[in-house]
Amino acid sequence: MAEFGFYEGVLSLWHALHVPLCVVLFIAAAIHVGLGLGGASVLFAFFLVALTGIGVLSTTGIVVAVDTF
């Protein structure tokens, strides 16, 4: 039987990191959409990025509250 110790380690590392990676990619995409919708107005783009941040933080707060309850 072949030893798969290295591959098991890599696979377990992937299982540990793929969820946070997906979350980071989703947040980056949301910020990118906010900047894209802002167009030429830098102030409006920053406003949309701030709204994105507030949405992410409020979602996190709701999830933590539900998990605590």
C-alpha atoms as a PDB file:
ATOM      1  CA  MET A   1       0.000   0.000   0.000  1.00  0.00           C
ATOM      2  CA  ALA A   2       1.386   3.381  -0.947  1.00  0.00           C
ATOM      3  CA  GLU A   3       1.802   6.077   1.657  1.00  0.00           C
ATOM      4  CA  PHE A   4      -0.367   9.113   1.067  1.00  0.00           C
ATOM      5  CA  GLY A   5       0.770  11.161   4.065  1.00  0.00           C
ATOM      6  CA  PHE A   6       1.794  14.188   2.021  1.00  0.00           C
ATOM      7  CA  TYR A   7      -1.390  14.197  -0.040  1.00  0.00           C
ATOM      8  CA  GLU A   8      -3.550  13.748   3.054  1.00  0.00           C
ATOM      9  CA  GLY A   9      -1.813  16.766   4.594  1.00  0.00           C
ATOM     10  CA  VAL A  10      -2.393  18.881   1.512  1.00  0.00           C
ATOM     11  CA  LEU A  11      -6.019  17.775   1.292  1.00  0.00           C
ATOM     12  CA  SER A  12      -6.664  18.549   4.951  1.00  0.00           C
ATOM     13  CA  LEU A  13      -5.034  21.965   4.494  1.00  0.00           C
ATOM     14  CA  TRP A  14      -7.334  22.631   1.538  1.00  0.00           C
ATOM     15  CA  HIS A  15     -10.388  21.663   3.600  1.00  0.00           C
ATOM     16  CA  ALA A  16      -9.261  24.012   6.356  1.00  0.00           C
ATOM     17  CA  LEU A  17      -8.632  26.974   4.045  1.00  0.00           C
ATOM     18  CA  HIS A  18     -11.230  26.782   1.270  1.00  0.00           C
ATOM     19  CA  VAL A  19     -14.086  28.294   3.282  1.00  0.00           C
ATOM     20  CA  PRO A  20     -12.158  31.409   4.410  1.00  0.00           C
ATOM     21  CA  LEU A  21     -10.787  31.734   0.886  1.00  0.00           C
ATOM     22  CA  CYS A  22     -14.310  31.741  -0.560  1.00  0.00           C
ATOM     23  CA  VAL A  23     -15.382  34.365   1.988  1.00  0.00           C
ATOM     24  CA  VAL A  24     -12.423  36.609   1.139  1.00  0.00           C
ATOM     25  CA  LEU A  25     -13.127  36.248  -2.585  1.00  0.00           C
ATOM     26  CA  PHE A  26     -16.796  37.134  -2.020  1.00  0.00           C
ATOM     27  CA  ILE A  27     -15.902  40.248  -0.005  1.00  0.00           C
ATOM     28  CA  ALA A  28     -13.333  41.296  -2.614  1.00  0.00           C
ATOM     29  CA  ALA A  29     -15.925  40.850  -5.365  1.00  0.00           C
ATOM     30  CA  ALA A  30     -18.453  42.943  -3.433  1.00  0.00           C
ATOM     31  CA  ILE A  31     -15.908  45.739  -2.975  1.00  0.00           C
ATOM     32  CA  HIS A  32     -14.997  45.521  -6.663  1.00  0.00           C
ATOM     33  CA  VAL A  33     -18.673  45.852  -7.635  1.00  0.00           C
ATOM     34  CA  GLY A  34     -18.996  48.849  -5.314  1.00  0.00           C
ATOM     35  CA  LEU A  35     -16.010  50.527  -6.923  1.00  0.00           C
ATOM     36  CA  GLY A  36     -17.283  49.684 -10.403  1.00  0.00           C
ATOM     37  CA  LEU A  37     -20.721  51.147  -9.727  1.00  0.00           C
ATOM     38  CA  GLY A  38     -19.104  54.333  -8.436  1.00  0.00           C
ATOM     39  CA  GLY A  39     -17.860  55.189 -11.910  1.00  0.00           C
ATOM     40  CA  ALA A  40     -15.814  58.364 -12.120  1.00  0.00           C
ATOM     41  CA  SER A  41     -16.953  59.686  -8.746  1.00  0.00           C
ATOM     42  CA  VAL A  42     -14.380  58.621  -6.164  1.00  0.00           C
ATOM     43  CA  LEU A  43     -16.509  59.855  -3.279  1.00  0.00           C
ATOM     44  CA  PHE A  44     -19.545  57.848  -4.432  1.00  0.00           C
ATOM     45  CA  ALA A  45     -17.328  54.764  -4.932  1.00  0.00           C
ATOM     46  CA  PHE A  46     -16.033  55.094  -1.362  1.00  0.00           C
ATOM     47  CA  PHE A  47     -19.627  55.458  -0.157  1.00  0.00           C
ATOM     48  CA  LEU A  48     -20.599  52.216  -1.919  1.00  0.00           C
ATOM     49  CA  VAL A  49     -17.566  50.410  -0.445  1.00  0.00           C
ATOM     50  CA  ALA A  50     -18.587  51.682   3.005  1.00  0.00           C
ATOM     51  CA  LEU A  51     -22.108  50.327   2.452  1.00  0.00           C
ATOM     52  CA  THR A  52     -20.584  46.996   1.485  1.00  0.00           C
ATOM     53  CA  GLY A  53     -18.573  46.976   4.710  1.00  0.00           C
ATOM     54  CA  ILE A  54     -21.641  47.781   6.786  1.00  0.00           C
ATOM     55  CA  GLY A  55     -23.535  44.957   5.103  1.00  0.00           C
ATOM     56  CA  VAL A  56     -20.752  42.468   5.796  1.00  0.00           C
ATOM     57  CA  LEU A  57     -20.455  43.558   9.427  1.00  0.00           C
ATOM     58  CA  SER A  58     -24.206  43.433  10.041  1.00  0.00           C
ATOM     59  CA  THR A  59     -24.409  39.957   8.522  1.00  0.00           C
ATOM     60  CA  THR A  60     -21.553  38.846  10.770  1.00  0.00           C
ATOM     61  CA  GLY A  61     -23.334  40.291  13.805  1.00  0.00           C
ATOM     62  CA  ILE A  62     -26.532  38.452  12.990  1.00  0.00           C
ATOM     63  CA  VAL A  63     -24.713  35.155  12.504  1.00  0.00           C
ATOM     64  CA  VAL A  64     -22.850  35.527  15.806  1.00  0.00           C
ATOM     65  CA  ALA A  65     -26.077  36.416  17.632  1.00  0.00           C
ATOM     66  CA  VAL A  66     -27.914  33.420  16.223  1.00  0.00           C
ATOM     67  CA  ASP A  67     -25.026  31.078  17.015  1.00  0.00           C
ATOM     68  CA  THR A  68     -24.874  32.407  20.563  1.00  0.00           C
ATOM     69  CA  PHE A  69     -28.596  31.963  21.089  1.00  0.00           C
END
